[in-house]
Amino acid sequence: MATNTTTKKPATAAEENTEAVTETAEARPERARRAPTVVGPPLGEDQEPVTVTLSHHLRIDGADYTPGAEINVSPDYARRLRVQGFTARSR
């Protein structure tokens, strides 16, 4: 069995930088203030994004979304997700 002979270095640099960072809306970049991003196919002309709550795990464009996650999608894609059973029941 191999043993590790290196010693653990103290985490002094991490301990020194414990101040909370606060950021105002004016300090945020412009892209952070944009409308929520749409997942999946892009919106069509004059369409508003629809927020859906997922009932199952879903991977879209390389990103994983867990059950209960709320995502913004195009109305057409929301309809397809409902038909396939990926969205939670609405009230």
PDB file of N, CA and C in Angstrom:
ATOM      1  N   MET A   1       0.840  -1.160   0.000  1.00  0.00           N
ATOM      2  CA  MET A   1       0.000   0.000   0.000  1.00  0.00           C
ATOM      3  C   MET A   1       0.894   1.234   0.000  1.00  0.00           C
ATOM      4  N   ALA A   2       0.548   2.204  -0.861  1.00  0.00           N
ATOM      5  CA  ALA A   2       1.328   3.433  -0.964  1.00  0.00           C
ATOM      6  C   ALA A   2       0.822   4.449   0.050  1.00  0.00           C
ATOM      7  N   THR A   3       1.748   5.215   0.590  1.00  0.00           N
ATOM      8  CA  THR A   3       1.361   6.259   1.532  1.00  0.00           C
ATOM      9  C   THR A   3       1.732   7.612   0.969  1.00  0.00           C
ATOM     10  N   ASN A   4       0.993   8.592   1.319  1.00  0.00           N
ATOM     11  CA  ASN A   4       1.237   9.948   0.877  1.00  0.00           C
ATOM     12  C   ASN A   4       2.164  10.610   1.889  1.00  0.00           C
ATOM     13  N   THR A   5       3.338  11.046   1.426  1.00  0.00           N
ATOM     14  CA  THR A   5       4.324  11.632   2.324  1.00  0.00           C
ATOM     15  C   THR A   5       4.306  13.156   2.324  1.00  0.00           C
ATOM     16  N   THR A   6       3.418  13.769   1.547  1.00  0.00           N
ATOM     17  CA  THR A   6       3.365  15.235   1.513  1.00  0.00           C
ATOM     18  C   THR A   6       2.611  15.753   2.727  1.00  0.00           C
ATOM     19  N   THR A   7       2.992  16.928   3.153  1.00  0.00           N
ATOM     20  CA  THR A   7       2.333  17.517   4.312  1.00  0.00           C
ATOM     21  C   THR A   7       1.249  18.476   3.854  1.00  0.00           C
ATOM     22  N   LYS A   8       0.246  18.615   4.660  1.00  0.00           N
ATOM     23  CA  LYS A   8      -0.864  19.491   4.347  1.00  0.00           C
ATOM     24  C   LYS A   8      -0.480  20.931   4.664  1.00  0.00           C
ATOM     25  N   LYS A   9      -0.728  21.831   3.701  1.00  0.00           N
ATOM     26  CA  LYS A   9      -0.390  23.231   3.891  1.00  0.00           C
ATOM     27  C   LYS A   9      -1.542  23.933   4.594  1.00  0.00           C
ATOM     28  N   PRO A  10      -1.264  24.873   5.483  1.00  0.00           N
ATOM     29  CA  PRO A  10      -2.351  25.591   6.171  1.00  0.00           C
ATOM     30  C   PRO A  10      -3.108  26.483   5.197  1.00  0.00           C
ATOM     31  N   ALA A  11      -4.380  26.672   5.467  1.00  0.00           N
ATOM     32  CA  ALA A  11      -5.253  27.461   4.592  1.00  0.00           C
ATOM     33  C   ALA A  11      -5.347  28.894   5.085  1.00  0.00           C
ATOM     34  N   THR A  12      -4.226  29.567   5.210  1.00  0.00           N
ATOM     35  CA  THR A  12      -4.232  30.941   5.722  1.00  0.00           C
ATOM     36  C   THR A  12      -4.815  31.917   4.724  1.00  0.00           C
ATOM     37  N   ALA A  13      -4.564  31.724   3.456  1.00  0.00           N
ATOM     38  CA  ALA A  13      -5.068  32.656   2.448  1.00  0.00           C
ATOM     39  C   ALA A  13      -6.589  32.597   2.382  1.00  0.00           C
ATOM     40  N   ALA A  14      -7.157  31.418   2.518  1.00  0.00           N
ATOM     41  CA  ALA A  14      -8.602  31.285   2.463  1.00  0.00           C
ATOM     42  C   ALA A  14      -9.255  31.875   3.705  1.00  0.00           C
ATOM     43  N   GLU A  15      -8.609  31.784   4.830  1.00  0.00           N
ATOM     44  CA  GLU A  15      -9.175  32.303   6.068  1.00  0.00           C
ATOM     45  C   GLU A  15      -9.138  33.831   6.109  1.00  0.00           C
ATOM     46  N   GLU A  16      -8.148  34.432   5.468  1.00  0.00           N
ATOM     47  CA  GLU A  16      -8.013  35.873   5.480  1.00  0.00           C
ATOM     48  C   GLU A  16      -9.086  36.562   4.643  1.00  0.00           C
ATOM     49  N   ASN A  17      -9.590  35.891   3.625  1.00  0.00           N
ATOM     50  CA  ASN A  17     -10.559  36.496   2.716  1.00  0.00           C
ATOM     51  C   ASN A  17     -11.966  35.996   3.054  1.00  0.00           C
ATOM     52  N   THR A  18     -12.457  36.328   4.246  1.00  0.00           N
ATOM     53  CA  THR A  18     -13.776  35.867   4.665  1.00  0.00           C
ATOM     54  C   THR A  18     -14.825  36.967   4.629  1.00  0.00           C
ATOM     55  N   GLU A  19     -14.487  38.138   4.139  1.00  0.00           N
ATOM     56  CA  GLU A  19     -15.450  39.232   4.063  1.00  0.00           C
ATOM     57  C   GLU A  19     -16.527  38.915   3.037  1.00  0.00           C
ATOM     58  N   ALA A  20     -17.760  39.245   3.363  1.00  0.00           N
ATOM     59  CA  ALA A  20     -18.865  39.018   2.439  1.00  0.00           C
ATOM     60  C   ALA A  20     -18.801  40.062   1.325  1.00  0.00           C
ATOM     61  N   VAL A  21     -19.064  39.619   0.141  1.00  0.00           N
ATOM     62  CA  VAL A  21     -19.038  40.514  -1.013  1.00  0.00           C
ATOM     63  C   VAL A  21     -20.477  40.869  -1.348  1.00  0.00           C
ATOM     64  N   THR A  22     -20.771  42.149  -1.329  1.00  0.00           N
ATOM     65  CA  THR A  22     -22.106  42.595  -1.714  1.00  0.00           C
ATOM     66  C   THR A  22     -21.997  43.368  -3.008  1.00  0.00           C
ATOM     67  N   GLU A  23     -23.009  43.192  -3.836  1.00  0.00           N
ATOM     68  CA  GLU A  23     -22.970  43.803  -5.148  1.00  0.00           C
ATOM     69  C   GLU A  23     -24.310  44.482  -5.407  1.00  0.00           C
ATOM     70  N   THR A  24     -24.277  45.715  -5.841  1.00  0.00           N
ATOM     71  CA  THR A  24     -25.516  46.428  -6.134  1.00  0.00           C
ATOM     72  C   THR A  24     -25.931  46.174  -7.574  1.00  0.00           C
ATOM     73  N   ALA A  25     -27.159  46.524  -7.879  1.00  0.00           N
ATOM     74  CA  ALA A  25     -27.659  46.320  -9.242  1.00  0.00           C
ATOM     75  C   ALA A  25     -26.868  47.152 -10.241  1.00  0.00           C
ATOM     76  N   GLU A  26     -26.384  48.316  -9.799  1.00  0.00           N
ATOM     77  CA  GLU A  26     -25.617  49.161 -10.710  1.00  0.00           C
ATOM     78  C   GLU A  26     -24.246  48.551 -11.016  1.00  0.00           C
ATOM     79  N   ALA A  27     -23.715  47.771 -10.090  1.00  0.00           N
ATOM     80  CA  ALA A  27     -22.396  47.188 -10.287  1.00  0.00           C
ATOM     81  C   ALA A  27     -22.442  45.923 -11.123  1.00  0.00           C
ATOM     82  N   ARG A  28     -23.614  45.307 -11.236  1.00  0.00           N
ATOM     83  CA  ARG A  28     -23.721  44.077 -12.025  1.00  0.00           C
ATOM     84  C   ARG A  28     -23.600  44.392 -13.504  1.00  0.00           C
ATOM     85  N   PRO A  29     -23.063  43.442 -14.245  1.00  0.00           N
ATOM     86  CA  PRO A  29     -23.000  43.649 -15.692  1.00  0.00           C
ATOM     87  C   PRO A  29     -24.398  43.685 -16.306  1.00  0.00           C
ATOM     88  N   GLU A  30     -24.506  44.254 -17.473  1.00  0.00           N
ATOM     89  CA  GLU A  30     -25.792  44.399 -18.153  1.00  0.00           C
ATOM     90  C   GLU A  30     -26.446  43.049 -18.413  1.00  0.00           C
ATOM     91  N   ARG A  31     -25.682  42.030 -18.702  1.00  0.00           N
ATOM     92  CA  ARG A  31     -26.266  40.724 -19.020  1.00  0.00           C
ATOM     93  C   ARG A  31     -26.967  40.099 -17.824  1.00  0.00           C
ATOM     94  N   ALA A  32     -26.588  40.478 -16.617  1.00  0.00           N
ATOM     95  CA  ALA A  32     -27.222  39.923 -15.423  1.00  0.00           C
ATOM     96  C   ALA A  32     -28.603  40.521 -15.202  1.00  0.00           C
ATOM     97  N   ARG A  33     -28.887  41.667 -15.796  1.00  0.00           N
ATOM     98  CA  ARG A  33     -30.182  42.323 -15.609  1.00  0.00           C
ATOM     99  C   ARG A  33     -31.171  42.001 -16.721  1.00  0.00           C
ATOM    100  N   ARG A  34     -30.782  41.192 -17.687  1.00  0.00           N
ATOM    101  CA  ARG A  34     -31.656  40.838 -18.796  1.00  0.00           C
ATOM    102  C   ARG A  34     -32.795  39.941 -18.339  1.00  0.00           C
ATOM    103  N   ALA A  35     -33.749  39.747 -19.224  1.00  0.00           N
ATOM    104  CA  ALA A  35     -34.864  38.832 -18.951  1.00  0.00           C
ATOM    105  C   ALA A  35     -34.317  37.419 -18.779  1.00  0.00           C
ATOM    106  N   PRO A  36     -35.042  36.565 -18.061  1.00  0.00           N
ATOM    107  CA  PRO A  36     -34.566  35.199 -17.851  1.00  0.00           C
ATOM    108  C   PRO A  36     -34.333  34.485 -19.176  1.00  0.00           C
ATOM    109  N   THR A  37     -33.340  33.640 -19.188  1.00  0.00           N
ATOM    110  CA  THR A  37     -33.006  32.936 -20.418  1.00  0.00           C
ATOM    111  C   THR A  37     -34.022  31.844 -20.698  1.00  0.00           C
ATOM    112  N   VAL A  38     -34.197  31.554 -21.949  1.00  0.00           N
ATOM    113  CA  VAL A  38     -35.132  30.528 -22.389  1.00  0.00           C
ATOM    114  C   VAL A  38     -34.342  29.259 -22.657  1.00  0.00           C
ATOM    115  N   VAL A  39     -34.814  28.159 -22.098  1.00  0.00           N
ATOM    116  CA  VAL A  39     -34.172  26.859 -22.250  1.00  0.00           C
ATOM    117  C   VAL A  39     -34.824  26.153 -23.429  1.00  0.00           C
ATOM    118  N   GLY A  40     -34.028  25.445 -24.214  1.00  0.00           N
ATOM    119  CA  GLY A  40     -34.572  24.692 -25.341  1.00  0.00           C
ATOM    120  C   GLY A  40     -34.667  25.549 -26.585  1.00  0.00           C
ATOM    121  N   PRO A  41     -35.651  25.228 -27.437  1.00  0.00           N
ATOM    122  CA  PRO A  41     -35.800  25.981 -28.694  1.00  0.00           C
ATOM    123  C   PRO A  41     -36.070  27.458 -28.432  1.00  0.00           C
ATOM    124  N   PRO A  42     -35.602  28.330 -29.319  1.00  0.00           N
ATOM    125  CA  PRO A  42     -35.807  29.776 -29.119  1.00  0.00           C
ATOM    126  C   PRO A  42     -37.270  30.168 -29.276  1.00  0.00           C
ATOM    127  N   LEU A  43     -37.590  31.334 -28.742  1.00  0.00           N
ATOM    128  CA  LEU A  43     -38.946  31.863 -28.864  1.00  0.00           C
ATOM    129  C   LEU A  43     -39.234  32.261 -30.303  1.00  0.00           C
ATOM    130  N   GLY A  44     -40.493  32.128 -30.679  1.00  0.00           N
ATOM    131  CA  GLY A  44     -40.921  32.590 -31.988  1.00  0.00           C
ATOM    132  C   GLY A  44     -41.203  34.075 -31.925  1.00  0.00           C
ATOM    133  N   GLU A  45     -41.657  34.623 -33.026  1.00  0.00           N
ATOM    134  CA  GLU A  45     -41.977  36.048 -33.063  1.00  0.00           C
ATOM    135  C   GLU A  45     -43.153  36.347 -32.157  1.00  0.00           C
ATOM    136  N   ASP A  46     -43.075  37.414 -31.381  1.00  0.00           N
ATOM    137  CA  ASP A  46     -44.143  37.877 -30.491  1.00  0.00           C
ATOM    138  C   ASP A  46     -44.568  36.841 -29.454  1.00  0.00           C
ATOM    139  N   GLN A  47     -43.680  35.936 -29.055  1.00  0.00           N
ATOM    140  CA  GLN A  47     -43.987  34.954 -28.024  1.00  0.00           C
ATOM    141  C   GLN A  47     -43.344  35.360 -26.715  1.00  0.00           C
ATOM    142  N   GLU A  48     -44.022  35.085 -25.618  1.00  0.00           N
ATOM    143  CA  GLU A  48     -43.499  35.314 -24.275  1.00  0.00           C
ATOM    144  C   GLU A  48     -43.071  33.968 -23.697  1.00  0.00           C
ATOM    145  N   PRO A  49     -41.983  33.926 -22.910  1.00  0.00           N
ATOM    146  CA  PRO A  49     -41.576  32.657 -22.316  1.00  0.00           C
ATOM    147  C   PRO A  49     -42.592  32.168 -21.287  1.00  0.00           C
ATOM    148  N   VAL A  50     -42.702  30.852 -21.160  1.00  0.00           N
ATOM    149  CA  VAL A  50     -43.600  30.213 -20.212  1.00  0.00           C
ATOM    150  C   VAL A  50     -42.746  29.538 -19.153  1.00  0.00           C
ATOM    151  N   THR A  51     -43.093  29.702 -17.869  1.00  0.00           N
ATOM    152  CA  THR A  51     -42.369  29.054 -16.786  1.00  0.00           C
ATOM    153  C   THR A  51     -43.055  27.731 -16.468  1.00  0.00           C
ATOM    154  N   VAL A  52     -42.292  26.641 -16.510  1.00  0.00           N
ATOM    155  CA  VAL A  52     -42.825  25.322 -16.182  1.00  0.00           C
ATOM    156  C   VAL A  52     -42.024  24.731 -15.031  1.00  0.00           C
ATOM    157  N   THR A  53     -42.681  23.898 -14.231  1.00  0.00           N
ATOM    158  CA  THR A  53     -42.025  23.183 -13.145  1.00  0.00           C
ATOM    159  C   THR A  53     -41.868  21.733 -13.576  1.00  0.00           C
ATOM    160  N   LEU A  54     -40.646  21.232 -13.534  1.00  0.00           N
ATOM    161  CA  LEU A  54     -40.376  19.875 -14.002  1.00  0.00           C
ATOM    162  C   LEU A  54     -40.759  18.837 -12.956  1.00  0.00           C
ATOM    163  N   SER A  55     -41.293  17.711 -13.423  1.00  0.00           N
ATOM    164  CA  SER A  55     -41.644  16.622 -12.523  1.00  0.00           C
ATOM    165  C   SER A  55     -40.635  15.484 -12.616  1.00  0.00           C
ATOM    166  N   HIS A  56     -39.771  15.525 -13.607  1.00  0.00           N
ATOM    167  CA  HIS A  56     -38.752  14.497 -13.802  1.00  0.00           C
ATOM    168  C   HIS A  56     -37.421  15.162 -14.152  1.00  0.00           C
ATOM    169  N   HIS A  57     -36.339  14.410 -13.996  1.00  0.00           N
ATOM    170  CA  HIS A  57     -35.015  14.891 -14.387  1.00  0.00           C
ATOM    171  C   HIS A  57     -35.003  15.087 -15.890  1.00  0.00           C
ATOM    172  N   LEU A  58     -34.424  16.166 -16.341  1.00  0.00           N
ATOM    173  CA  LEU A  58     -34.384  16.469 -17.764  1.00  0.00           C
ATOM    174  C   LEU A  58     -33.041  17.105 -18.107  1.00  0.00           C
ATOM    175  N   ARG A  59     -32.468  16.683 -19.217  1.00  0.00           N
ATOM    176  CA  ARG A  59     -31.205  17.259 -19.700  1.00  0.00           C
ATOM    177  C   ARG A  59     -31.505  17.988 -21.003  1.00  0.00           C
ATOM    178  N   ILE A  60     -31.264  19.307 -20.993  1.00  0.00           N
ATOM    179  CA  ILE A  60     -31.531  20.129 -22.167  1.00  0.00           C
ATOM    180  C   ILE A  60     -30.264  20.890 -22.512  1.00  0.00           C
ATOM    181  N   ASP A  61     -29.807  20.749 -23.744  1.00  0.00           N
ATOM    182  CA  ASP A  61     -28.624  21.464 -24.240  1.00  0.00           C
ATOM    183  C   ASP A  61     -27.414  21.277 -23.327  1.00  0.00           C
ATOM    184  N   GLY A  62     -27.231  20.087 -22.770  1.00  0.00           N
ATOM    185  CA  GLY A  62     -26.066  19.792 -21.941  1.00  0.00           C
ATOM    186  C   GLY A  62     -26.195  20.230 -20.492  1.00  0.00           C
ATOM    187  N   ALA A  63     -27.333  20.788 -20.102  1.00  0.00           N
ATOM    188  CA  ALA A  63     -27.547  21.202 -18.714  1.00  0.00           C
ATOM    189  C   ALA A  63     -28.579  20.287 -18.074  1.00  0.00           C
ATOM    190  N   ASP A  64     -28.325  19.875 -16.833  1.00  0.00           N
ATOM    191  CA  ASP A  64     -29.237  18.997 -16.109  1.00  0.00           C
ATOM    192  C   ASP A  64     -30.202  19.823 -15.263  1.00  0.00           C
ATOM    193  N   TYR A  65     -31.472  19.450 -15.307  1.00  0.00           N
ATOM    194  CA  TYR A  65     -32.502  20.096 -14.510  1.00  0.00           C
ATOM    195  C   TYR A  65     -33.176  19.017 -13.676  1.00  0.00           C
ATOM    196  N   THR A  66     -33.227  19.227 -12.366  1.00  0.00           N
ATOM    197  CA  THR A  66     -33.767  18.238 -11.450  1.00  0.00           C
ATOM    198  C   THR A  66     -35.277  18.423 -11.293  1.00  0.00           C
ATOM    199  N   PRO A  67     -35.968  17.404 -10.775  1.00  0.00           N
ATOM    200  CA  PRO A  67     -37.410  17.565 -10.527  1.00  0.00           C
ATOM    201  C   PRO A  67     -37.665  18.723  -9.576  1.00  0.00           C
ATOM    202  N   GLY A  68     -38.660  19.520  -9.876  1.00  0.00           N
ATOM    203  CA  GLY A  68     -38.986  20.690  -9.067  1.00  0.00           C
ATOM    204  C   GLY A  68     -38.355  21.969  -9.587  1.00  0.00           C
ATOM    205  N   ALA A  69     -37.438  21.866 -10.528  1.00  0.00           N
ATOM    206  CA  ALA A  69     -36.790  23.058 -11.083  1.00  0.00           C
ATOM    207  C   ALA A  69     -37.791  23.808 -11.968  1.00  0.00           C
ATOM    208  N   GLU A  70     -37.747  25.123 -11.885  1.00  0.00           N
ATOM    209  CA  GLU A  70     -38.595  25.952 -12.734  1.00  0.00           C
ATOM    210  C   GLU A  70     -37.736  26.525 -13.848  1.00  0.00           C
ATOM    211  N   ILE A  71     -38.158  26.315 -15.087  1.00  0.00           N
ATOM    212  CA  ILE A  71     -37.397  26.797 -16.235  1.00  0.00           C
ATOM    213  C   ILE A  71     -38.322  27.599 -17.139  1.00  0.00           C
ATOM    214  N   ASN A  72     -37.748  28.508 -17.886  1.00  0.00           N
ATOM    215  CA  ASN A  72     -38.483  29.298 -18.873  1.00  0.00           C
ATOM    216  C   ASN A  72     -38.279  28.667 -20.240  1.00  0.00           C
ATOM    217  N   VAL A  73     -39.373  28.375 -20.917  1.00  0.00           N
ATOM    218  CA  VAL A  73     -39.322  27.745 -22.233  1.00  0.00           C
ATOM    219  C   VAL A  73     -40.309  28.447 -23.157  1.00  0.00           C
ATOM    220  N   SER A  74     -40.199  28.154 -24.446  1.00  0.00           N
ATOM    221  CA  SER A  74     -41.155  28.698 -25.403  1.00  0.00           C
ATOM    222  C   SER A  74     -42.490  27.980 -25.217  1.00  0.00           C
ATOM    223  N   PRO A  75     -43.600  28.606 -25.594  1.00  0.00           N
ATOM    224  CA  PRO A  75     -44.913  27.961 -25.439  1.00  0.00           C
ATOM    225  C   PRO A  75     -45.012  26.617 -26.172  1.00  0.00           C
ATOM    226  N   ASP A  76     -44.405  26.518 -27.337  1.00  0.00           N
ATOM    227  CA  ASP A  76     -44.435  25.259 -28.085  1.00  0.00           C
ATOM    228  C   ASP A  76     -43.688  24.153 -27.339  1.00  0.00           C
ATOM    229  N   TYR A  77     -42.538  24.501 -26.798  1.00  0.00           N
ATOM    230  CA  TYR A  77     -41.738  23.512 -26.066  1.00  0.00           C
ATOM    231  C   TYR A  77     -42.435  23.123 -24.763  1.00  0.00           C
ATOM    232  N   ALA A  78     -43.114  24.074 -24.109  1.00  0.00           N
ATOM    233  CA  ALA A  78     -43.869  23.773 -22.891  1.00  0.00           C
ATOM    234  C   ALA A  78     -44.969  22.764 -23.197  1.00  0.00           C
ATOM    235  N   ARG A  79     -45.643  22.938 -24.317  1.00  0.00           N
ATOM    236  CA  ARG A  79     -46.689  22.004 -24.728  1.00  0.00           C
ATOM    237  C   ARG A  79     -46.114  20.612 -24.946  1.00  0.00           C
ATOM    238  N   ARG A  80     -44.959  20.532 -25.602  1.00  0.00           N
ATOM    239  CA  ARG A  80     -44.332  19.227 -25.838  1.00  0.00           C
ATOM    240  C   ARG A  80     -43.918  18.563 -24.536  1.00  0.00           C
ATOM    241  N   LEU A  81     -43.389  19.356 -23.598  1.00  0.00           N
ATOM    242  CA  LEU A  81     -42.990  18.794 -22.304  1.00  0.00           C
ATOM    243  C   LEU A  81     -44.206  18.280 -21.531  1.00  0.00           C
ATOM    244  N   ARG A  82     -45.328  18.988 -21.606  1.00  0.00           N
ATOM    245  CA  ARG A  82     -46.548  18.536 -20.921  1.00  0.00           C
ATOM    246  C   ARG A  82     -47.050  17.224 -21.502  1.00  0.00           C
ATOM    247  N   VAL A  83     -47.058  17.128 -22.833  1.00  0.00           N
ATOM    248  CA  VAL A  83     -47.540  15.917 -23.501  1.00  0.00           C
ATOM    249  C   VAL A  83     -46.660  14.723 -23.131  1.00  0.00           C
ATOM    250  N   GLN A  84     -45.365  14.931 -23.021  1.00  0.00           N
ATOM    251  CA  GLN A  84     -44.432  13.846 -22.710  1.00  0.00           C
ATOM    252  C   GLN A  84     -44.355  13.543 -21.220  1.00  0.00           C
ATOM    253  N   GLY A  85     -45.037  14.334 -20.379  1.00  0.00           N
ATOM    254  CA  GLY A  85     -45.095  14.051 -18.951  1.00  0.00           C
ATOM    255  C   GLY A  85     -43.932  14.581 -18.136  1.00  0.00           C
ATOM    256  N   PHE A  86     -43.213  15.569 -18.649  1.00  0.00           N
ATOM    257  CA  PHE A  86     -42.061  16.113 -17.930  1.00  0.00           C
ATOM    258  C   PHE A  86     -42.407  17.260 -16.995  1.00  0.00           C
ATOM    259  N   THR A  87     -43.619  17.806 -17.078  1.00  0.00           N
ATOM    260  CA  THR A  87     -43.970  18.928 -16.228  1.00  0.00           C
ATOM    261  C   THR A  87     -44.886  18.474 -15.097  1.00  0.00           C
ATOM    262  N   ALA A  88     -44.802  19.196 -13.986  1.00  0.00           N
ATOM    263  CA  ALA A  88     -45.652  18.887 -12.833  1.00  0.00           C
ATOM    264  C   ALA A  88     -47.084  19.291 -13.138  1.00  0.00           C
ATOM    265  N   ARG A  89     -48.017  18.646 -12.467  1.00  0.00           N
ATOM    266  CA  ARG A  89     -49.420  18.995 -12.651  1.00  0.00           C
ATOM    267  C   ARG A  89     -49.684  20.417 -12.203  1.00  0.00           C
ATOM    268  N   SER A  90     -50.531  21.088 -12.950  1.00  0.00           N
ATOM    269  CA  SER A  90     -50.896  22.442 -12.527  1.00  0.00           C
ATOM    270  C   SER A  90     -52.131  22.366 -11.649  1.00  0.00           C
ATOM    271  N   ARG A  91     -52.356  23.407 -10.871  1.00  0.00           N
ATOM    272  CA  ARG A  91     -53.477  23.411  -9.924  1.00  0.00           C
ATOM    273  C   ARG A  91     -54.792  23.530 -10.583  1.00  0.00           C
TER     274      ARG A  91
END
